[in-house]
Amino acid sequence: MYVLNKDKEYKKVGEGTLRKVLAYSDNIMNVELRFEKGAVGAMHSHPHEQIGYVIEGTLIYKEEGKADVTLNAGDTYLVPSNVMHGIECVTDVKLLDIFTPMREDFI
């Protein structure tokens, strides 16, 4: 399977937040996100494990019970299942998130 990014469209999912679902199967999902400067990914949790990679920009990553961390392009984060987490965007941000299993609520 392959997915051409140009063939996929972003969907507005919040104020200053766009999401583009790329390749996925029942077990894994690849998602591209764009956030405008100042946008907030509110604290939330889900049963999926998540790895995020910062493609562009700077954000503050928040995880319940841990100190906030500033992440820049090239940095990554791992979110275990059912852990509260969120972000605040210091600049415009582009992320690649990978979930396992896939997020049915995204399609």
PDB file of N, CA and C in Angstrom:
ATOM      1  N   MET A   1       0.843  -1.181   0.000  1.00  0.00           N
ATOM      2  CA  MET A   1       0.000   0.000   0.000  1.00  0.00           C
ATOM      3  C   MET A   1       0.883   1.238   0.000  1.00  0.00           C
ATOM      4  N   TYR A   2       0.435   2.243  -0.676  1.00  0.00           N
ATOM      5  CA  TYR A   2       1.096   3.547  -0.627  1.00  0.00           C
ATOM      6  C   TYR A   2       0.018   4.618  -0.678  1.00  0.00           C
ATOM      7  N   VAL A   3       0.368   5.788  -0.190  1.00  0.00           N
ATOM      8  CA  VAL A   3      -0.557   6.924  -0.193  1.00  0.00           C
ATOM      9  C   VAL A   3       0.204   8.132  -0.710  1.00  0.00           C
ATOM     10  N   LEU A   4      -0.356   8.794  -1.703  1.00  0.00           N
ATOM     11  CA  LEU A   4       0.223  10.041  -2.195  1.00  0.00           C
ATOM     12  C   LEU A   4      -0.377  11.179  -1.387  1.00  0.00           C
ATOM     13  N   ASN A   5       0.482  11.908  -0.690  1.00  0.00           N
ATOM     14  CA  ASN A   5       0.021  12.989   0.173  1.00  0.00           C
ATOM     15  C   ASN A   5      -0.854  13.978  -0.584  1.00  0.00           C
ATOM     16  N   LYS A   6      -0.493  14.259  -1.838  1.00  0.00           N
ATOM     17  CA  LYS A   6      -1.236  15.235  -2.641  1.00  0.00           C
ATOM     18  C   LYS A   6      -2.674  14.806  -2.907  1.00  0.00           C
ATOM     19  N   ASP A   7      -2.951  13.516  -2.759  1.00  0.00           N
ATOM     20  CA  ASP A   7      -4.298  13.001  -3.009  1.00  0.00           C
ATOM     21  C   ASP A   7      -5.197  13.041  -1.778  1.00  0.00           C
ATOM     22  N   LYS A   8      -4.637  13.384  -0.650  1.00  0.00           N
ATOM     23  CA  LYS A   8      -5.395  13.448   0.601  1.00  0.00           C
ATOM     24  C   LYS A   8      -5.675  14.904   0.966  1.00  0.00           C
ATOM     25  N   GLU A   9      -6.808  15.139   1.592  1.00  0.00           N
ATOM     26  CA  GLU A   9      -7.180  16.493   1.981  1.00  0.00           C
ATOM     27  C   GLU A   9      -7.180  16.639   3.491  1.00  0.00           C
ATOM     28  N   TYR A  10      -6.846  17.841   3.940  1.00  0.00           N
ATOM     29  CA  TYR A  10      -6.933  18.155   5.356  1.00  0.00           C
ATOM     30  C   TYR A  10      -8.395  18.354   5.743  1.00  0.00           C
ATOM     31  N   LYS A  11      -8.708  18.012   6.984  1.00  0.00           N
ATOM     32  CA  LYS A  11     -10.029  18.245   7.557  1.00  0.00           C
ATOM     33  C   LYS A  11      -9.833  19.143   8.779  1.00  0.00           C
ATOM     34  N   LYS A  12     -10.633  20.204   8.873  1.00  0.00           N
ATOM     35  CA  LYS A  12     -10.554  21.073  10.043  1.00  0.00           C
ATOM     36  C   LYS A  12     -11.133  20.322  11.233  1.00  0.00           C
ATOM     37  N   VAL A  13     -10.352  20.224  12.309  1.00  0.00           N
ATOM     38  CA  VAL A  13     -10.793  19.468  13.479  1.00  0.00           C
ATOM     39  C   VAL A  13     -10.805  20.309  14.749  1.00  0.00           C
ATOM     40  N   GLY A  14     -10.512  21.587  14.613  1.00  0.00           N
ATOM     41  CA  GLY A  14     -10.507  22.499  15.755  1.00  0.00           C
ATOM     42  C   GLY A  14     -10.011  23.846  15.309  1.00  0.00           C
ATOM     43  N   GLU A  15     -10.066  24.799  16.208  1.00  0.00           N
ATOM     44  CA  GLU A  15      -9.602  26.153  15.892  1.00  0.00           C
ATOM     45  C   GLU A  15      -8.109  26.110  15.592  1.00  0.00           C
ATOM     46  N   GLY A  16      -7.748  26.429  14.354  1.00  0.00           N
ATOM     47  CA  GLY A  16      -6.348  26.441  13.943  1.00  0.00           C
ATOM     48  C   GLY A  16      -5.723  25.067  13.815  1.00  0.00           C
ATOM     49  N   THR A  17      -6.560  24.037  13.650  1.00  0.00           N
ATOM     50  CA  THR A  17      -6.050  22.660  13.606  1.00  0.00           C
ATOM     51  C   THR A  17      -6.616  21.906  12.407  1.00  0.00           C
ATOM     52  N   LEU A  18      -5.725  21.312  11.617  1.00  0.00           N
ATOM     53  CA  LEU A  18      -6.099  20.514  10.456  1.00  0.00           C
ATOM     54  C   LEU A  18      -5.503  19.118  10.590  1.00  0.00           C
ATOM     55  N   ARG A  19      -6.239  18.115  10.121  1.00  0.00           N
ATOM     56  CA  ARG A  19      -5.774  16.722  10.182  1.00  0.00           C
ATOM     57  C   ARG A  19      -5.941  16.072   8.814  1.00  0.00           C
ATOM     58  N   LYS A  20      -4.928  15.289   8.429  1.00  0.00           N
ATOM     59  CA  LYS A  20      -4.960  14.527   7.174  1.00  0.00           C
ATOM     60  C   LYS A  20      -4.613  13.078   7.498  1.00  0.00           C
ATOM     61  N   VAL A  21      -5.582  12.177   7.348  1.00  0.00           N
ATOM     62  CA  VAL A  21      -5.330  10.752   7.568  1.00  0.00           C
ATOM     63  C   VAL A  21      -4.628  10.206   6.328  1.00  0.00           C
ATOM     64  N   LEU A  22      -3.504   9.544   6.554  1.00  0.00           N
ATOM     65  CA  LEU A  22      -2.732   8.994   5.448  1.00  0.00           C
ATOM     66  C   LEU A  22      -2.955   7.478   5.409  1.00  0.00           C
ATOM     67  N   ALA A  23      -1.927   6.688   5.451  1.00  0.00           N
ATOM     68  CA  ALA A  23      -2.082   5.231   5.368  1.00  0.00           C
ATOM     69  C   ALA A  23      -2.537   4.655   6.705  1.00  0.00           C
ATOM     70  N   TYR A  24      -3.347   3.581   6.628  1.00  0.00           N
ATOM     71  CA  TYR A  24      -3.736   2.888   7.852  1.00  0.00           C
ATOM     72  C   TYR A  24      -4.245   1.487   7.542  1.00  0.00           C
ATOM     73  N   SER A  25      -4.174   0.661   8.579  1.00  0.00           N
ATOM     74  CA  SER A  25      -4.780  -0.675   8.584  1.00  0.00           C
ATOM     75  C   SER A  25      -5.476  -0.790   9.935  1.00  0.00           C
ATOM     76  N   ASP A  26      -5.995  -1.954  10.251  1.00  0.00           N
ATOM     77  CA  ASP A  26      -6.640  -2.125  11.552  1.00  0.00           C
ATOM     78  C   ASP A  26      -5.664  -1.927  12.709  1.00  0.00           C
ATOM     79  N   ASN A  27      -4.379  -2.171  12.455  1.00  0.00           N
ATOM     80  CA  ASN A  27      -3.391  -2.178  13.528  1.00  0.00           C
ATOM     81  C   ASN A  27      -2.564  -0.913  13.678  1.00  0.00           C
ATOM     82  N   ILE A  28      -2.545  -0.043  12.662  1.00  0.00           N
ATOM     83  CA  ILE A  28      -1.670   1.131  12.713  1.00  0.00           C
ATOM     84  C   ILE A  28      -2.229   2.228  11.822  1.00  0.00           C
ATOM     85  N   MET A  29      -1.937   3.479  12.195  1.00  0.00           N
ATOM     86  CA  MET A  29      -2.430   4.624  11.413  1.00  0.00           C
ATOM     87  C   MET A  29      -1.394   5.738  11.427  1.00  0.00           C
ATOM     88  N   ASN A  30      -1.269   6.406  10.296  1.00  0.00           N
ATOM     89  CA  ASN A  30      -0.332   7.494  10.065  1.00  0.00           C
ATOM     90  C   ASN A  30      -1.155   8.751   9.759  1.00  0.00           C
ATOM     91  N   VAL A  31      -0.947   9.832  10.530  1.00  0.00           N
ATOM     92  CA  VAL A  31      -1.765  11.035  10.412  1.00  0.00           C
ATOM     93  C   VAL A  31      -0.864  12.272  10.401  1.00  0.00           C
ATOM     94  N   GLU A  32      -1.123  13.182   9.474  1.00  0.00           N
ATOM     95  CA  GLU A  32      -0.410  14.452   9.416  1.00  0.00           C
ATOM     96  C   GLU A  32      -1.311  15.531   9.995  1.00  0.00           C
ATOM     97  N   LEU A  33      -0.740  16.393  10.846  1.00  0.00           N
ATOM     98  CA  LEU A  33      -1.510  17.474  11.461  1.00  0.00           C
ATOM     99  C   LEU A  33      -0.801  18.802  11.271  1.00  0.00           C
ATOM    100  N   ARG A  34      -1.598  19.852  11.146  1.00  0.00           N
ATOM    101  CA  ARG A  34      -1.071  21.218  11.091  1.00  0.00           C
ATOM    102  C   ARG A  34      -1.793  22.037  12.146  1.00  0.00           C
ATOM    103  N   PHE A  35      -1.015  22.816  12.888  1.00  0.00           N
ATOM    104  CA  PHE A  35      -1.551  23.702  13.915  1.00  0.00           C
ATOM    105  C   PHE A  35      -1.040  25.106  13.661  1.00  0.00           C
ATOM    106  N   GLU A  36      -1.908  26.091  13.778  1.00  0.00           N
ATOM    107  CA  GLU A  36      -1.480  27.477  13.691  1.00  0.00           C
ATOM    108  C   GLU A  36      -0.823  27.890  15.003  1.00  0.00           C
ATOM    109  N   LYS A  37       0.057  28.868  14.927  1.00  0.00           N
ATOM    110  CA  LYS A  37       0.689  29.425  16.120  1.00  0.00           C
ATOM    111  C   LYS A  37      -0.403  29.768  17.127  1.00  0.00           C
ATOM    112  N   GLY A  38      -0.218  29.356  18.376  1.00  0.00           N
ATOM    113  CA  GLY A  38      -1.190  29.624  19.426  1.00  0.00           C
ATOM    114  C   GLY A  38      -2.264  28.566  19.577  1.00  0.00           C
ATOM    115  N   ALA A  39      -2.370  27.653  18.617  1.00  0.00           N
ATOM    116  CA  ALA A  39      -3.385  26.590  18.709  1.00  0.00           C
ATOM    117  C   ALA A  39      -3.051  25.659  19.869  1.00  0.00           C
ATOM    118  N   VAL A  40      -4.107  25.069  20.410  1.00  0.00           N
ATOM    119  CA  VAL A  40      -3.960  24.162  21.544  1.00  0.00           C
ATOM    120  C   VAL A  40      -4.580  22.811  21.196  1.00  0.00           C
ATOM    121  N   GLY A  41      -3.831  21.771  21.423  1.00  0.00           N
ATOM    122  CA  GLY A  41      -4.367  20.412  21.381  1.00  0.00           C
ATOM    123  C   GLY A  41      -4.734  20.093  22.825  1.00  0.00           C
ATOM    124  N   ALA A  42      -6.015  20.204  23.166  1.00  0.00           N
ATOM    125  CA  ALA A  42      -6.471  20.084  24.559  1.00  0.00           C
ATOM    126  C   ALA A  42      -6.056  18.755  25.169  1.00  0.00           C
ATOM    127  N   MET A  43      -5.870  18.759  26.470  1.00  0.00           N
ATOM    128  CA  MET A  43      -5.538  17.537  27.202  1.00  0.00           C
ATOM    129  C   MET A  43      -6.618  16.492  26.939  1.00  0.00           C
ATOM    130  N   HIS A  44      -6.188  15.279  26.618  1.00  0.00           N
ATOM    131  CA  HIS A  44      -7.095  14.180  26.324  1.00  0.00           C
ATOM    132  C   HIS A  44      -6.344  12.864  26.484  1.00  0.00           C
ATOM    133  N   SER A  45      -7.072  11.774  26.441  1.00  0.00           N
ATOM    134  CA  SER A  45      -6.451  10.455  26.448  1.00  0.00           C
ATOM    135  C   SER A  45      -7.233   9.560  25.504  1.00  0.00           C
ATOM    136  N   HIS A  46      -6.619   8.452  25.137  1.00  0.00           N
ATOM    137  CA  HIS A  46      -7.260   7.469  24.269  1.00  0.00           C
ATOM    138  C   HIS A  46      -6.569   6.131  24.501  1.00  0.00           C
ATOM    139  N   PRO A  47      -7.215   5.034  24.136  1.00  0.00           N
ATOM    140  CA  PRO A  47      -6.623   3.718  24.382  1.00  0.00           C
ATOM    141  C   PRO A  47      -5.472   3.358  23.434  1.00  0.00           C
ATOM    142  N   HIS A  48      -5.244   4.195  22.435  1.00  0.00           N
ATOM    143  CA  HIS A  48      -4.201   3.923  21.440  1.00  0.00           C
ATOM    144  C   HIS A  48      -2.837   4.368  21.951  1.00  0.00           C
ATOM    145  N   GLU A  49      -1.782   3.646  21.586  1.00  0.00           N
ATOM    146  CA  GLU A  49      -0.430   4.148  21.773  1.00  0.00           C
ATOM    147  C   GLU A  49      -0.167   5.125  20.631  1.00  0.00           C
ATOM    148  N   GLN A  50       0.651   6.130  20.893  1.00  0.00           N
ATOM    149  CA  GLN A  50       0.896   7.178  19.899  1.00  0.00           C
ATOM    150  C   GLN A  50       2.363   7.577  19.918  1.00  0.00           C
ATOM    151  N   ILE A  51       2.928   7.718  18.724  1.00  0.00           N
ATOM    152  CA  ILE A  51       4.248   8.320  18.562  1.00  0.00           C
ATOM    153  C   ILE A  51       4.058   9.537  17.678  1.00  0.00           C
ATOM    154  N   GLY A  52       4.588  10.667  18.123  1.00  0.00           N
ATOM    155  CA  GLY A  52       4.510  11.891  17.338  1.00  0.00           C
ATOM    156  C   GLY A  52       5.898  12.364  16.942  1.00  0.00           C
ATOM    157  N   TYR A  53       5.986  12.911  15.740  1.00  0.00           N
ATOM    158  CA  TYR A  53       7.241  13.455  15.220  1.00  0.00           C
ATOM    159  C   TYR A  53       6.977  14.883  14.763  1.00  0.00           C
ATOM    160  N   VAL A  54       7.764  15.836  15.266  1.00  0.00           N
ATOM    161  CA  VAL A  54       7.606  17.237  14.898  1.00  0.00           C
ATOM    162  C   VAL A  54       8.347  17.468  13.586  1.00  0.00           C
ATOM    163  N   ILE A  55       7.586  17.718  12.527  1.00  0.00           N
ATOM    164  CA  ILE A  55       8.177  17.961  11.210  1.00  0.00           C
ATOM    165  C   ILE A  55       8.645  19.408  11.103  1.00  0.00           C
ATOM    166  N   GLU A  56       7.796  20.325  11.556  1.00  0.00           N
ATOM    167  CA  GLU A  56       8.100  21.760  11.504  1.00  0.00           C
ATOM    168  C   GLU A  56       7.578  22.432  12.763  1.00  0.00           C
ATOM    169  N   GLY A  57       8.296  23.438  13.227  1.00  0.00           N
ATOM    170  CA  GLY A  57       7.800  24.285  14.296  1.00  0.00           C
ATOM    171  C   GLY A  57       8.253  23.910  15.694  1.00  0.00           C
ATOM    172  N   THR A  58       7.637  24.616  16.653  1.00  0.00           N
ATOM    173  CA  THR A  58       7.943  24.448  18.068  1.00  0.00           C
ATOM    174  C   THR A  58       6.644  24.346  18.844  1.00  0.00           C
ATOM    175  N   LEU A  59       6.584  23.380  19.762  1.00  0.00           N
ATOM    176  CA  LEU A  59       5.390  23.201  20.584  1.00  0.00           C
ATOM    177  C   LEU A  59       5.796  22.875  22.016  1.00  0.00           C
ATOM    178  N   ILE A  60       4.850  23.035  22.905  1.00  0.00           N
ATOM    179  CA  ILE A  60       5.029  22.609  24.289  1.00  0.00           C
ATOM    180  C   ILE A  60       4.192  21.352  24.457  1.00  0.00           C
ATOM    181  N   TYR A  61       4.865  20.256  24.784  1.00  0.00           N
ATOM    182  CA  TYR A  61       4.201  18.977  24.997  1.00  0.00           C
ATOM    183  C   TYR A  61       3.880  18.834  26.482  1.00  0.00           C
ATOM    184  N   LYS A  62       2.637  18.471  26.769  1.00  0.00           N
ATOM    185  CA  LYS A  62       2.172  18.310  28.142  1.00  0.00           C
ATOM    186  C   LYS A  62       1.706  16.876  28.346  1.00  0.00           C
ATOM    187  N   GLU A  63       2.118  16.298  29.472  1.00  0.00           N
ATOM    188  CA  GLU A  63       1.688  14.946  29.812  1.00  0.00           C
ATOM    189  C   GLU A  63       1.409  14.908  31.310  1.00  0.00           C
ATOM    190  N   GLU A  64       0.274  14.360  31.654  1.00  0.00           N
ATOM    191  CA  GLU A  64      -0.145  14.287  33.052  1.00  0.00           C
ATOM    192  C   GLU A  64       0.961  13.703  33.938  1.00  0.00           C
ATOM    193  N   GLY A  65       1.259  14.436  35.022  1.00  0.00           N
ATOM    194  CA  GLY A  65       2.244  13.951  35.981  1.00  0.00           C
ATOM    195  C   GLY A  65       3.687  14.229  35.620  1.00  0.00           C
ATOM    196  N   LYS A  66       3.920  14.900  34.486  1.00  0.00           N
ATOM    197  CA  LYS A  66       5.290  15.201  34.061  1.00  0.00           C
ATOM    198  C   LYS A  66       5.426  16.687  33.776  1.00  0.00           C
ATOM    199  N   ALA A  67       6.660  17.184  33.818  1.00  0.00           N
ATOM    200  CA  ALA A  67       6.934  18.585  33.488  1.00  0.00           C
ATOM    201  C   ALA A  67       6.717  18.810  31.999  1.00  0.00           C
ATOM    202  N   ASP A  68       6.223  19.991  31.629  1.00  0.00           N
ATOM    203  CA  ASP A  68       6.060  20.350  30.225  1.00  0.00           C
ATOM    204  C   ASP A  68       7.429  20.378  29.544  1.00  0.00           C
ATOM    205  N   VAL A  69       7.448  20.024  28.255  1.00  0.00           N
ATOM    206  CA  VAL A  69       8.695  19.969  27.492  1.00  0.00           C
ATOM    207  C   VAL A  69       8.506  20.727  26.184  1.00  0.00           C
ATOM    208  N   THR A  70       9.480  21.538  25.809  1.00  0.00           N
ATOM    209  CA  THR A  70       9.464  22.218  24.513  1.00  0.00           C
ATOM    210  C   THR A  70      10.091  21.296  23.475  1.00  0.00           C
ATOM    211  N   LEU A  71       9.343  21.046  22.399  1.00  0.00           N
ATOM    212  CA  LEU A  71       9.821  20.195  21.307  1.00  0.00           C
ATOM    213  C   LEU A  71       9.929  21.013  20.032  1.00  0.00           C
ATOM    214  N   ASN A  72      10.948  20.728  19.249  1.00  0.00           N
ATOM    215  CA  ASN A  72      11.215  21.420  17.986  1.00  0.00           C
ATOM    216  C   ASN A  72      11.271  20.417  16.847  1.00  0.00           C
ATOM    217  N   ALA A  73      11.356  20.939  15.618  1.00  0.00           N
ATOM    218  CA  ALA A  73      11.455  20.077  14.435  1.00  0.00           C
ATOM    219  C   ALA A  73      12.531  19.018  14.650  1.00  0.00           C
ATOM    220  N   GLY A  74      12.169  17.762  14.370  1.00  0.00           N
ATOM    221  CA  GLY A  74      13.084  16.644  14.536  1.00  0.00           C
ATOM    222  C   GLY A  74      12.902  15.897  15.843  1.00  0.00           C
ATOM    223  N   ASP A  75      12.172  16.506  16.805  1.00  0.00           N
ATOM    224  CA  ASP A  75      11.930  15.848  18.087  1.00  0.00           C
ATOM    225  C   ASP A  75      10.715  14.935  17.995  1.00  0.00           C
ATOM    226  N   THR A  76      10.617  14.017  18.941  1.00  0.00           N
ATOM    227  CA  THR A  76       9.535  13.042  18.937  1.00  0.00           C
ATOM    228  C   THR A  76       9.014  12.826  20.349  1.00  0.00           C
ATOM    229  N   TYR A  77       7.819  12.268  20.451  1.00  0.00           N
ATOM    230  CA  TYR A  77       7.234  11.936  21.757  1.00  0.00           C
ATOM    231  C   TYR A  77       6.474  10.616  21.636  1.00  0.00           C
ATOM    232  N   LEU A  78       6.369   9.926  22.765  1.00  0.00           N
ATOM    233  CA  LEU A  78       5.658   8.655  22.837  1.00  0.00           C
ATOM    234  C   LEU A  78       4.590   8.787  23.910  1.00  0.00           C
ATOM    235  N   VAL A  79       3.358   8.462  23.559  1.00  0.00           N
ATOM    236  CA  VAL A  79       2.242   8.547  24.498  1.00  0.00           C
ATOM    237  C   VAL A  79       1.706   7.134  24.746  1.00  0.00           C
ATOM    238  N   PRO A  80       1.837   6.643  25.981  1.00  0.00           N
ATOM    239  CA  PRO A  80       1.257   5.331  26.289  1.00  0.00           C
ATOM    240  C   PRO A  80      -0.276   5.385  26.256  1.00  0.00           C
ATOM    241  N   SER A  81      -0.896   4.240  26.197  1.00  0.00           N
ATOM    242  CA  SER A  81      -2.359   4.141  26.219  1.00  0.00           C
ATOM    243  C   SER A  81      -2.922   4.816  27.460  1.00  0.00           C
ATOM    244  N   ASN A  82      -4.033   5.535  27.276  1.00  0.00           N
ATOM    245  CA  ASN A  82      -4.827   6.102  28.366  1.00  0.00           C
ATOM    246  C   ASN A  82      -4.107   7.135  29.223  1.00  0.00           C
ATOM    247  N   VAL A  83      -3.067   7.784  28.697  1.00  0.00           N
ATOM    248  CA  VAL A  83      -2.352   8.839  29.412  1.00  0.00           C
ATOM    249  C   VAL A  83      -2.827  10.193  28.900  1.00  0.00           C
ATOM    250  N   MET A  84      -3.188  11.090  29.814  1.00  0.00           N
ATOM    251  CA  MET A  84      -3.612  12.439  29.444  1.00  0.00           C
ATOM    252  C   MET A  84      -2.421  13.202  28.853  1.00  0.00           C
ATOM    253  N   HIS A  85      -2.660  13.842  27.705  1.00  0.00           N
ATOM    254  CA  HIS A  85      -1.602  14.597  27.044  1.00  0.00           C
ATOM    255  C   HIS A  85      -2.215  15.691  26.168  1.00  0.00           C
ATOM    256  N   GLY A  86      -1.400  16.669  25.798  1.00  0.00           N
ATOM    257  CA  GLY A  86      -1.853  17.752  24.937  1.00  0.00           C
ATOM    258  C   GLY A  86      -0.662  18.587  24.503  1.00  0.00           C
ATOM    259  N   ILE A  87      -0.934  19.586  23.656  1.00  0.00           N
ATOM    260  CA  ILE A  87       0.134  20.474  23.179  1.00  0.00           C
ATOM    261  C   ILE A  87      -0.348  21.912  23.129  1.00  0.00           C
ATOM    262  N   GLU A  88       0.612  22.830  23.163  1.00  0.00           N
ATOM    263  CA  GLU A  88       0.392  24.251  22.874  1.00  0.00           C
ATOM    264  C   GLU A  88       1.418  24.636  21.830  1.00  0.00           C
ATOM    265  N   CYS A  89       0.982  25.295  20.774  1.00  0.00           N
ATOM    266  CA  CYS A  89       1.876  25.604  19.657  1.00  0.00           C
ATOM    267  C   CYS A  89       2.501  26.987  19.804  1.00  0.00           C
ATOM    268  N   VAL A  90       3.811  27.008  19.915  1.00  0.00           N
ATOM    269  CA  VAL A  90       4.571  28.248  20.039  1.00  0.00           C
ATOM    270  C   VAL A  90       4.679  28.924  18.674  1.00  0.00           C
ATOM    271  N   THR A  91       4.770  28.119  17.621  1.00  0.00           N
ATOM    272  CA  THR A  91       4.830  28.593  16.236  1.00  0.00           C
ATOM    273  C   THR A  91       3.818  27.780  15.442  1.00  0.00           C
ATOM    274  N   ASP A  92       3.711  28.031  14.148  1.00  0.00           N
ATOM    275  CA  ASP A  92       2.981  27.097  13.290  1.00  0.00           C
ATOM    276  C   ASP A  92       3.690  25.755  13.411  1.00  0.00           C
ATOM    277  N   VAL A  93       2.918  24.675  13.448  1.00  0.00           N
ATOM    278  CA  VAL A  93       3.482  23.342  13.682  1.00  0.00           C
ATOM    279  C   VAL A  93       2.920  22.355  12.669  1.00  0.00           C
ATOM    280  N   LYS A  94       3.781  21.452  12.221  1.00  0.00           N
ATOM    281  CA  LYS A  94       3.363  20.323  11.393  1.00  0.00           C
ATOM    282  C   LYS A  94       3.866  19.060  12.089  1.00  0.00           C
ATOM    283  N   LEU A  95       2.951  18.118  12.338  1.00  0.00           N
ATOM    284  CA  LEU A  95       3.273  16.879  13.045  1.00  0.00           C
ATOM    285  C   LEU A  95       2.942  15.663  12.201  1.00  0.00           C
ATOM    286  N   LEU A  96       3.625  14.575  12.491  1.00  0.00           N
ATOM    287  CA  LEU A  96       3.259  13.262  11.983  1.00  0.00           C
ATOM    288  C   LEU A  96       2.975  12.411  13.208  1.00  0.00           C
ATOM    289  N   ASP A  97       1.740  11.942  13.354  1.00  0.00           N
ATOM    290  CA  ASP A  97       1.356  11.073  14.461  1.00  0.00           C
ATOM    291  C   ASP A  97       1.083   9.675  13.943  1.00  0.00           C
ATOM    292  N   ILE A  98       1.545   8.686  14.699  1.00  0.00           N
ATOM    293  CA  ILE A  98       1.313   7.282  14.377  1.00  0.00           C
ATOM    294  C   ILE A  98       0.603   6.659  15.570  1.00  0.00           C
ATOM    295  N   PHE A  99      -0.499   5.956  15.302  1.00  0.00           N
ATOM    296  CA  PHE A  99      -1.314   5.343  16.342  1.00  0.00           C
ATOM    297  C   PHE A  99      -1.391   3.838  16.132  1.00  0.00           C
ATOM    298  N   THR A 100      -1.428   3.112  17.241  1.00  0.00           N
ATOM    299  CA  THR A 100      -1.723   1.685  17.195  1.00  0.00           C
ATOM    300  C   THR A 100      -2.632   1.338  18.353  1.00  0.00           C
ATOM    301  N   PRO A 101      -3.748   0.658  18.105  1.00  0.00           N
ATOM    302  CA  PRO A 101      -4.278   0.377  16.772  1.00  0.00           C
ATOM    303  C   PRO A 101      -4.769   1.670  16.109  1.00  0.00           C
ATOM    304  N   MET A 102      -5.273   1.561  14.919  1.00  0.00           N
ATOM    305  CA  MET A 102      -5.736   2.745  14.182  1.00  0.00           C
ATOM    306  C   MET A 102      -6.875   3.429  14.932  1.00  0.00           C
ATOM    307  N   ARG A 103      -7.057   4.725  14.656  1.00  0.00           N
ATOM    308  CA  ARG A 103      -8.110   5.530  15.280  1.00  0.00           C
ATOM    309  C   ARG A 103      -9.351   5.496  14.410  1.00  0.00           C
ATOM    310  N   GLU A 104     -10.301   4.655  14.750  1.00  0.00           N
ATOM    311  CA  GLU A 104     -11.544   4.583  13.984  1.00  0.00           C
ATOM    312  C   GLU A 104     -12.287   5.911  13.999  1.00  0.00           C
ATOM    313  N   ASP A 105     -12.129   6.692  15.075  1.00  0.00           N
ATOM    314  CA  ASP A 105     -12.825   7.974  15.181  1.00  0.00           C
ATOM    315  C   ASP A 105     -12.270   9.007  14.203  1.00  0.00           C
ATOM    316  N   PHE A 106     -11.157   8.734  13.559  1.00  0.00           N
ATOM    317  CA  PHE A 106     -10.576   9.663  12.587  1.00  0.00           C
ATOM    318  C   PHE A 106     -11.087   9.444  11.170  1.00  0.00           C
ATOM    319  N   ILE A 107     -11.760   8.314  10.923  1.00  0.00           N
ATOM    320  CA  ILE A 107     -12.239   8.047   9.561  1.00  0.00           C
ATOM    321  C   ILE A 107     -13.750   7.918   9.511  1.00  0.00           C
TER     322      ILE A 107
END
